[in-house]
């Protein structure tokens, strides 16, 4: 099913002119199951972002502590990493439709319980920590399972287009969700904000219920810890799949300057929280824009080389953001900004939009390689490991950026980190020759 060529997939190769620049929606026409899954996921992801923001605001409202808000993510990190390994193994052991349905139910119940205790005006923070962690772990398993399902719904040549459509989903969710959460919390309160997520999450069930039964091909994974050992053994002999994780970790560890946003808004750029919101939204806007004009990505054959170049561009834009902070900081001096430095905020926003766009392009190709090259019987575990990397990499990057900013200056994490990324990609462009020659027409792990 996943490797059949369809009239729609042949049609997409003939897209020319300006239509060839726009996102390729052929996957939505080719597979009704994918279309329903994508639509449902898009709706549910907006709700998920609403709750992520609402929980942070709620905990701050209850405690008045920024540290208490940070503990929401900290409590969820361990369960997310564990869920990445466990969820991937489950997706390789059992019918993936069933795994997705069960984990979606658990996620929905956690949101519903959070809604209930908010209406009951529960003021202890620990229930919100626990429920947020359960929700994050369930979302991780659901995401890993969904990633293993997609190659069974579409032919291989449509996977880049499907990844770009997923980029639109996340771009919209990250852009719309936090804004809606802020408005709702300010107008109707926390319980009704959580309730909206519970309602929107019904979209996830719409997509899952439309799927056919989907047991892993090539035999199920062994139960227990041995399944993790099997996946590590596969990864050791799969240099292209392994490279997608290594390259992504390089980008996230050295290119995550978001921890300096609050201080940059207060001490360099001006504007405080508003500037922080603009900087955060700029990254999401760049990712969304790159997905909307992602048509040419489906015609790229050397996808490993494309990943390398996209991450190098990501590093350049990250360094540019550091340059903006450096130059603006020198102009402002120790006295700090008197108001919002609009030109500097605009330049910083453009730089971060560039990082978002480059990161999304890299993600499209890394996701495609991971889904196309990994055999179906280990695909769930590879998707689970992908979520472990996504969960852990940025946190390591946050820690490193905080340490560098404290030791040197606010501009240092972005400028130094961006240049390190560019240098490493140039080196890997020369020495990781197998990955550079990865052929999308003949995917091999």
Protein backbone atom coordinates (compact mmCIF):
# COMPACT_ATOMS: atom_id res chain seq x y z
CA UNK A 1 0.00 0.00 0.00
CA UNK A 2 2.77 2.45 0.92
CA UNK A 3 4.75 1.93 -2.29
CA UNK A 4 2.06 2.02 -4.99
CA UNK A 5 2.24 4.75 -7.60
CA UNK A 6 -1.06 6.51 -8.15
CA UNK A 7 -2.30 8.92 -10.85
CA UNK A 8 -2.15 11.68 -8.25
CA UNK A 9 1.47 10.92 -7.38
CA UNK A 10 2.41 10.96 -11.08
CA UNK A 11 0.52 14.24 -11.50
CA UNK A 12 2.55 15.98 -8.80
CA UNK A 13 5.79 15.47 -10.77
CA UNK A 14 4.29 17.61 -13.54
CA UNK A 15 3.60 20.64 -11.34
CA UNK A 16 5.28 23.61 -13.00
CA UNK A 17 5.28 27.39 -12.73
CA UNK A 18 4.09 29.11 -9.60
CA UNK A 19 1.93 26.12 -8.68
CA UNK A 20 5.13 24.13 -8.30
CA UNK A 21 6.23 26.46 -5.49
CA UNK A 22 3.13 25.96 -3.36
CA UNK A 23 2.69 23.17 -0.84
CA UNK A 24 1.83 19.91 -2.55
CA UNK A 25 -1.61 18.73 -1.39
CA UNK A 26 -1.50 15.54 -3.45
CA UNK A 27 -1.34 13.37 -0.28
CA UNK A 28 -4.71 14.76 0.79
CA UNK A 29 -6.24 13.72 -2.54
CA UNK A 30 -4.43 10.40 -2.79
CA UNK A 31 -5.37 8.95 0.59
CA UNK A 32 -8.70 9.74 2.30
CA UNK A 33 -7.32 8.12 5.46
CA UNK A 34 -4.32 10.45 5.45
CA UNK A 35 -6.57 13.45 4.77
CA UNK A 36 -8.75 12.64 7.79
CA UNK A 37 -5.74 11.92 9.98
CA UNK A 38 -4.07 15.20 8.94
CA UNK A 39 -7.24 17.24 9.46
CA UNK A 40 -7.93 15.70 12.85
CA UNK A 41 -4.33 16.14 13.96
CA UNK A 42 -4.31 19.77 12.85
CA UNK A 43 -7.38 20.56 14.94
CA UNK A 44 -6.11 18.61 17.96
CA UNK A 45 -2.66 20.26 17.83
CA UNK A 46 -4.17 23.73 18.16
CA UNK A 47 -5.95 22.53 21.29
CA UNK A 48 -2.73 21.00 22.61
CA UNK A 49 -0.87 24.30 22.27
CA UNK A 50 -3.75 26.07 24.02
CA UNK A 51 -3.38 23.75 27.02
CA UNK A 52 0.44 24.00 27.10
CA UNK A 53 0.19 27.78 27.44
CA UNK A 54 -2.84 27.67 29.75
CA UNK A 55 -1.15 25.29 32.21
CA UNK A 56 1.88 27.58 32.48
CA UNK A 57 -0.33 30.63 33.04
CA UNK A 58 -2.48 28.72 35.53
CA UNK A 59 0.48 27.52 37.59
CA UNK A 60 1.90 31.04 37.63
CA UNK A 61 -1.51 32.39 38.70
CA UNK A 62 -1.59 29.87 41.57
CA UNK A 63 2.02 30.31 42.72
CA UNK A 64 3.39 33.58 41.36
CA UNK A 65 6.62 31.65 40.67
CA UNK A 66 8.42 31.38 37.34
CA UNK A 67 10.32 28.39 38.75
CA UNK A 68 7.03 26.62 39.41
CA UNK A 69 6.11 27.18 35.76
CA UNK A 70 9.45 25.69 34.66
CA UNK A 71 8.66 22.57 36.69
CA UNK A 72 5.71 21.85 34.38
CA UNK A 73 8.11 21.06 31.53
CA UNK A 74 10.62 19.41 33.87
CA UNK A 75 8.03 17.01 35.26
CA UNK A 76 6.98 16.09 31.72
CA UNK A 77 10.50 15.50 30.36
CA UNK A 78 11.14 12.13 32.00
CA UNK A 79 7.75 10.64 31.06
CA UNK A 80 8.15 11.96 27.50
CA UNK A 81 11.55 10.28 27.07
CA UNK A 82 10.27 7.03 28.56
CA UNK A 83 7.17 7.21 26.39
CA UNK A 84 9.34 7.64 23.30
CA UNK A 85 11.02 4.28 23.91
CA UNK A 86 7.93 2.46 25.20
CA UNK A 87 5.56 3.96 22.65
CA UNK A 88 7.80 3.09 19.73
CA UNK A 89 8.02 -0.50 20.94
CA UNK A 90 4.24 -0.70 21.35
CA UNK A 91 3.77 0.58 17.79
CA UNK A 92 6.03 -2.25 16.55
CA UNK A 93 4.27 -4.91 18.66
CA UNK A 94 0.57 -4.28 18.21
CA UNK A 95 -1.95 -2.95 15.74
CA UNK A 96 -0.96 0.69 15.35
CA UNK A 97 -4.54 1.88 15.00
CA UNK A 98 -5.32 0.34 18.40
CA UNK A 99 -2.19 1.84 20.01
CA UNK A 100 -3.10 5.27 18.63
CA UNK A 101 -6.71 4.96 19.80
CA UNK A 102 -5.76 3.89 23.34
CA UNK A 103 -3.16 6.63 23.80
CA UNK A 104 -5.49 9.26 22.35
CA UNK A 105 -8.10 8.18 24.89
CA UNK A 106 -5.59 8.53 27.74
CA UNK A 107 -4.58 11.98 26.48
CA UNK A 108 -8.21 13.05 26.20
CA UNK A 109 -8.99 11.80 29.73
CA UNK A 110 -6.04 13.78 31.13
CA UNK A 111 -7.35 16.94 29.46
CA UNK A 112 -10.87 16.22 30.69
CA UNK A 113 -9.64 15.69 34.25
CA UNK A 114 -7.66 18.92 34.11
CA UNK A 115 -10.81 20.70 32.96
CA UNK A 116 -12.81 19.17 35.82
CA UNK A 117 -10.39 20.10 38.59
CA UNK A 118 -10.12 23.63 37.17
CA UNK A 119 -13.91 23.99 37.36
CA UNK A 120 -13.72 22.64 40.93
CA UNK A 121 -11.14 25.38 41.66
CA UNK A 122 -8.42 22.99 42.81
CA UNK A 123 -5.50 25.20 43.87
CA UNK A 124 -2.79 22.59 44.54
CA UNK A 125 -0.30 22.51 41.69
CA UNK A 126 0.70 18.85 41.79
CA UNK A 127 -2.44 17.57 40.01
CA UNK A 128 -1.70 19.90 37.10
CA UNK A 129 1.91 18.70 36.98
CA UNK A 130 0.84 15.06 36.95
CA UNK A 131 -1.89 15.53 34.34
CA UNK A 132 0.39 17.62 32.11
CA UNK A 133 3.03 14.87 32.29
CA UNK A 134 0.47 12.16 31.43
CA UNK A 135 -0.77 14.27 28.53
CA UNK A 136 2.77 14.86 27.23
CA UNK A 137 3.67 11.17 27.48
CA UNK A 138 0.47 10.15 25.70
CA UNK A 139 1.09 12.73 22.97
CA UNK A 140 4.59 11.32 22.48
CA UNK A 141 3.31 7.75 22.03
CA UNK A 142 0.55 9.00 19.75
CA UNK A 143 3.02 11.00 17.65
CA UNK A 144 5.45 8.08 17.32
CA UNK A 145 2.62 5.76 16.31
CA UNK A 146 1.25 8.26 13.82
CA UNK A 147 4.71 8.64 12.28
CA UNK A 148 4.91 4.88 11.80
CA UNK A 149 1.43 4.82 10.22
CA UNK A 150 1.98 7.47 7.52
CA UNK A 151 4.27 5.42 5.24
CA UNK A 152 1.55 2.78 5.11
CA UNK A 153 -0.98 5.33 3.85
CA UNK A 154 1.08 6.99 1.12
CA UNK A 155 3.59 6.06 -1.59
CA UNK A 156 7.20 6.87 -0.72
CA UNK A 157 7.44 9.75 -3.22
CA UNK A 158 4.65 11.61 -1.39
CA UNK A 159 6.28 11.47 2.05
CA UNK A 160 8.10 14.85 1.63
CA UNK A 161 4.77 16.50 0.79
CA UNK A 162 3.16 14.83 3.80
CA UNK A 163 5.99 16.09 6.04
CA UNK A 164 5.50 19.62 4.67
CA UNK A 165 1.78 19.41 5.42
CA UNK A 166 2.70 18.37 8.97
CA UNK A 167 4.86 21.50 9.10
CA UNK A 168 1.78 23.56 8.32
CA UNK A 169 -0.05 21.78 11.13
CA UNK A 170 2.62 22.64 13.68
CA UNK A 171 3.15 26.17 12.35
CA UNK A 172 -0.55 26.95 12.68
CA UNK A 173 -0.77 25.31 16.08
CA UNK A 174 2.21 27.19 17.51
CA UNK A 175 1.01 30.48 16.02
CA UNK A 176 -2.72 30.24 16.75
CA UNK A 177 -2.80 28.14 19.93
CA UNK A 178 -0.86 30.44 22.29
CA UNK A 179 -2.73 33.53 21.04
CA UNK A 180 -6.12 31.86 21.60
CA UNK A 181 -5.01 30.64 25.03
CA UNK A 182 -4.01 34.14 26.11
CA UNK A 183 -7.31 35.64 24.98
CA UNK A 184 -9.43 32.91 26.57
CA UNK A 185 -7.58 32.92 29.89
CA UNK A 186 -8.01 36.69 30.08
CA UNK A 187 -11.71 36.64 29.15
CA UNK A 188 -13.36 33.39 30.28
CA UNK A 189 -10.81 31.84 32.64
CA UNK A 190 -8.79 28.65 32.88
CA UNK A 191 -11.57 26.00 33.07
CA UNK A 192 -13.23 27.07 29.82
CA UNK A 193 -9.82 27.29 28.14
CA UNK A 194 -9.06 23.68 29.06
CA UNK A 195 -12.56 22.68 27.93
CA UNK A 196 -11.87 24.04 24.45
CA UNK A 197 -8.85 21.73 24.16
CA UNK A 198 -11.00 18.78 25.26
CA UNK A 199 -13.48 19.62 22.50
CA UNK A 200 -10.82 20.18 19.82
CA UNK A 201 -9.11 16.92 20.73
CA UNK A 202 -12.10 15.09 19.26
CA UNK A 203 -10.41 15.77 15.92
CA UNK A 204 -7.70 13.26 16.83
CA UNK A 205 -10.33 10.51 17.17
CA UNK A 206 -11.79 11.45 13.80
CA UNK A 207 -8.51 10.73 12.08
CA UNK A 208 -7.67 7.56 14.01
CA UNK A 209 -11.06 5.91 13.67
CA UNK A 210 -10.89 6.26 9.88
CA UNK A 211 -7.72 4.13 9.72
CA UNK A 212 -7.74 0.46 8.73
CA UNK A 213 -6.17 -2.13 11.07
CA UNK A 214 -2.40 -1.80 10.73
CA UNK A 215 -0.22 -4.51 12.24
CA UNK A 216 3.57 -4.16 11.74
CA UNK A 217 4.92 -5.82 8.60
CA UNK A 218 7.76 -8.31 8.86
CA UNK A 219 6.83 -9.58 12.34
CA UNK A 220 6.18 -7.87 15.66
CA UNK A 221 8.88 -6.59 17.97
CA UNK A 222 9.99 -8.72 20.90
CA UNK A 223 8.34 -7.81 24.19
CA UNK A 224 10.21 -6.04 26.96
CA UNK A 225 13.64 -4.45 27.00
CA UNK A 226 14.86 -6.70 24.20
CA UNK A 227 12.85 -4.63 21.71
CA UNK A 228 14.90 -1.56 22.65
CA UNK A 229 18.11 -3.59 22.24
CA UNK A 230 16.91 -4.71 18.80
CA UNK A 231 16.27 -1.11 17.76
CA UNK A 232 19.74 -0.03 18.92
CA UNK A 233 21.25 -2.92 16.96
CA UNK A 234 19.37 -1.80 13.87
CA UNK A 235 20.46 1.81 14.37
CA UNK A 236 24.11 0.78 14.62
CA UNK A 237 23.88 -0.67 11.11
CA UNK A 238 21.71 2.12 9.67
CA UNK A 239 24.02 5.12 9.04
CA UNK A 240 21.44 7.20 7.14
CA UNK A 241 18.78 6.86 9.82
CA UNK A 242 21.39 7.46 12.51
CA UNK A 243 22.57 10.61 10.75
CA UNK A 244 19.10 12.17 10.93
CA UNK A 245 19.33 12.05 14.72
CA UNK A 246 22.94 13.24 14.94
CA UNK A 247 22.45 16.18 12.59
CA UNK A 248 19.28 17.23 14.40
CA UNK A 249 21.01 17.09 17.79
CA UNK A 250 23.79 19.36 16.49
CA UNK A 251 21.22 21.93 15.40
CA UNK A 252 19.23 21.80 18.64
CA UNK A 253 22.14 21.75 21.08
CA UNK A 254 24.00 24.67 19.51
CA UNK A 255 21.08 26.57 17.96
CA UNK A 256 18.58 27.04 20.79
CA UNK A 257 18.94 30.63 22.05
CA UNK A 258 15.32 30.97 23.23
CA UNK A 259 16.34 31.18 26.90
CA UNK A 260 17.86 34.61 26.20
CA UNK A 261 14.62 36.02 24.74
CA UNK A 262 13.28 37.47 28.05
CA UNK A 263 16.58 39.16 28.91
CA UNK A 264 17.00 40.38 25.33
CA UNK A 265 13.55 41.95 25.45
CA UNK A 266 14.27 43.64 28.76
CA UNK A 267 17.93 44.67 28.40
CA UNK A 268 18.74 45.03 24.69
CA UNK A 269 15.78 45.19 22.30
CA UNK A 270 13.19 46.69 24.63
CA UNK A 271 9.53 45.82 24.71
CA UNK A 272 9.73 43.15 27.40
CA UNK A 273 7.14 40.36 27.08
CA UNK A 274 5.75 41.76 23.83
CA UNK A 275 9.15 41.45 22.17
CA UNK A 276 9.53 37.93 23.55
CA UNK A 277 6.21 37.05 21.93
CA UNK A 278 7.31 38.55 18.61
CA UNK A 279 10.60 36.62 18.65
CA UNK A 280 8.86 33.35 19.48
CA UNK A 281 6.18 33.87 16.84
CA UNK A 282 8.81 34.76 14.21
CA UNK A 283 10.30 31.26 14.37
CA UNK A 284 6.85 29.68 13.95
CA UNK A 285 5.97 32.07 11.13
CA UNK A 286 9.13 31.15 9.22
CA UNK A 287 8.35 27.45 9.58
CA UNK A 288 4.79 27.98 8.41
CA UNK A 289 5.84 30.08 5.41
CA UNK A 290 8.41 27.52 4.31
CA UNK A 291 5.74 24.82 4.41
CA UNK A 292 3.38 26.90 2.30
CA UNK A 293 6.02 27.19 -0.45
CA UNK A 294 7.38 23.65 -0.05
CA UNK A 295 6.41 22.35 -3.49
CA UNK A 296 10.01 22.03 -4.79
CA UNK A 297 11.05 19.90 -1.79
CA UNK A 298 9.29 16.85 -3.18
CA UNK A 299 11.56 16.92 -6.23
CA UNK A 300 14.82 16.81 -4.25
CA UNK A 301 16.63 13.50 -4.69
CA UNK A 302 19.75 13.96 -2.52
CA UNK A 303 17.85 14.44 0.71
CA UNK A 304 20.83 13.86 3.02
CA UNK A 305 22.71 16.70 1.35
CA UNK A 306 19.58 18.84 1.61
CA UNK A 307 19.45 18.19 5.38
CA UNK A 308 23.10 19.25 5.72
CA UNK A 309 22.63 22.47 3.76
CA UNK A 310 19.37 23.35 5.51
CA UNK A 311 21.01 22.99 8.93
CA UNK A 312 23.95 25.11 7.74
CA UNK A 313 21.47 27.83 6.73
CA UNK A 314 19.81 27.39 10.13
CA UNK A 315 23.19 28.05 11.72
CA UNK A 316 23.75 31.17 9.61
CA UNK A 317 20.40 32.68 10.63
CA UNK A 318 21.05 31.75 14.27
CA UNK A 319 24.39 33.57 14.08
CA UNK A 320 22.65 36.55 12.46
CA UNK A 321 20.31 36.75 15.45
CA UNK A 322 23.39 36.84 17.67
CA UNK A 323 24.89 39.63 15.56
CA UNK A 324 21.70 41.68 15.96
CA UNK A 325 21.92 41.30 19.75
CA UNK A 326 25.65 42.12 19.75
CA UNK A 327 25.37 45.27 17.64
CA UNK A 328 22.21 46.50 19.36
CA UNK A 329 23.72 45.84 22.78
CA UNK A 330 26.81 47.88 21.87
CA UNK A 331 24.59 50.76 20.75
CA UNK A 332 22.41 50.61 23.86
CA UNK A 333 25.26 50.26 26.31
CA UNK A 334 24.90 49.57 30.02
CA UNK A 335 22.03 52.02 30.43
CA UNK A 336 19.61 49.62 28.71
CA UNK A 337 16.93 50.45 26.12
CA UNK A 338 14.75 53.50 26.61
CA UNK A 339 11.97 51.99 24.53
CA UNK A 340 11.38 49.38 21.88
CA UNK A 341 14.13 49.36 19.26
CA UNK A 342 11.81 48.57 16.36
CA UNK A 343 14.48 48.13 13.64
CA UNK A 344 16.43 45.73 15.86
CA UNK A 345 13.29 43.76 16.74
CA UNK A 346 12.42 43.51 13.04
CA UNK A 347 15.92 42.28 12.15
CA UNK A 348 15.89 39.81 15.02
CA UNK A 349 12.47 38.59 13.89
CA UNK A 350 13.70 38.13 10.32
CA UNK A 351 16.69 36.13 11.56
CA UNK A 352 14.50 33.88 13.69
CA UNK A 353 12.00 33.46 10.84
CA UNK A 354 14.95 32.26 8.77
CA UNK A 355 15.88 29.73 11.44
CA UNK A 356 12.29 28.51 11.55
CA UNK A 357 12.14 28.11 7.78
CA UNK A 358 15.50 26.30 7.58
CA UNK A 359 14.62 24.06 10.52
CA UNK A 360 11.34 23.11 8.87
CA UNK A 361 13.05 22.26 5.57
CA UNK A 362 15.51 20.08 7.46
CA UNK A 363 12.63 18.44 9.33
CA UNK A 364 10.81 17.63 6.08
CA UNK A 365 13.80 15.70 4.74
CA UNK A 366 14.79 14.10 8.06
CA UNK A 367 11.22 12.89 8.58
CA UNK A 368 11.06 11.56 5.02
CA UNK A 369 14.36 9.67 5.36
CA UNK A 370 13.30 8.21 8.69
CA UNK A 371 9.94 7.04 7.38
CA UNK A 372 11.14 5.78 4.00
CA UNK A 373 14.42 4.13 4.97
CA UNK A 374 13.45 2.38 8.21
CA UNK A 375 11.77 -1.02 7.66
CA UNK A 376 8.19 -1.21 8.88
CA UNK A 377 8.98 -3.64 11.70
CA UNK A 378 11.28 -1.08 13.43
CA UNK A 379 9.61 2.09 12.20
CA UNK A 380 7.67 2.67 15.42
CA UNK A 381 10.79 2.46 17.56
CA UNK A 382 12.66 4.82 15.25
CA UNK A 383 9.79 7.29 15.49
CA UNK A 384 9.87 6.91 19.27
CA UNK A 385 13.60 7.65 19.30
CA UNK A 386 12.88 10.69 17.12
CA UNK A 387 10.60 12.01 19.86
CA UNK A 388 13.24 11.32 22.49
CA UNK A 389 15.71 13.42 20.49
CA UNK A 390 13.12 16.17 19.99
CA UNK A 391 12.34 16.20 23.72
CA UNK A 392 15.91 16.06 24.98
CA UNK A 393 17.90 18.07 22.42
CA UNK A 394 16.30 21.49 23.01
CA UNK A 395 16.59 21.08 26.79
CA UNK A 396 20.32 20.44 26.48
CA UNK A 397 20.45 23.45 24.17
CA UNK A 398 18.62 25.59 26.74
CA UNK A 399 21.10 24.57 29.43
CA UNK A 400 24.10 25.28 27.22
CA UNK A 401 22.71 28.63 26.03
CA UNK A 402 21.99 29.70 29.60
CA UNK A 403 25.51 28.81 30.69
CA UNK A 404 27.16 30.60 27.73
CA UNK A 405 24.98 33.69 28.17
CA UNK A 406 25.88 33.83 31.86
CA UNK A 407 29.59 33.34 31.25
CA UNK A 408 29.97 35.66 28.23
CA UNK A 409 26.98 37.74 27.11
CA UNK A 410 23.42 37.47 25.78
CA UNK A 411 24.56 37.50 22.17
CA UNK A 412 27.07 34.69 22.63
CA UNK A 413 24.83 31.56 22.53
CA UNK A 414 23.32 32.48 19.17
CA UNK A 415 26.44 33.87 17.48
CA UNK A 416 28.90 31.25 18.71
CA UNK A 417 26.40 28.40 18.46
CA UNK A 418 25.37 29.37 14.95
CA UNK A 419 28.97 29.49 13.74
CA UNK A 420 29.67 26.09 15.33
CA UNK A 421 26.69 24.63 13.47
CA UNK A 422 27.91 26.02 10.15
CA UNK A 423 31.43 24.72 10.75
CA UNK A 424 30.21 21.24 11.70
CA UNK A 425 27.92 21.03 8.68
CA UNK A 426 30.79 21.98 6.37
CA UNK A 427 32.90 19.23 7.92
CA UNK A 428 30.08 16.67 7.67
CA UNK A 429 29.48 17.70 4.09
CA UNK A 430 32.95 16.33 3.35
CA UNK A 431 33.21 13.32 5.67
CA UNK A 432 29.62 11.97 5.88
CA UNK A 433 29.65 11.05 2.21
CA UNK A 434 27.20 8.18 2.48
CA UNK A 435 24.53 10.45 3.95
CA UNK A 436 25.28 13.15 1.38
CA UNK A 437 24.58 10.65 -1.40
CA UNK A 438 21.39 9.26 0.13
CA UNK A 439 19.01 8.70 -2.80
CA UNK A 440 15.31 9.38 -2.22
CA UNK A 441 14.51 7.16 -5.22
CA UNK A 442 16.27 4.20 -3.57
CA UNK A 443 15.94 4.75 0.19
CA UNK A 444 18.32 2.68 2.33
CA UNK A 445 18.76 2.82 6.10
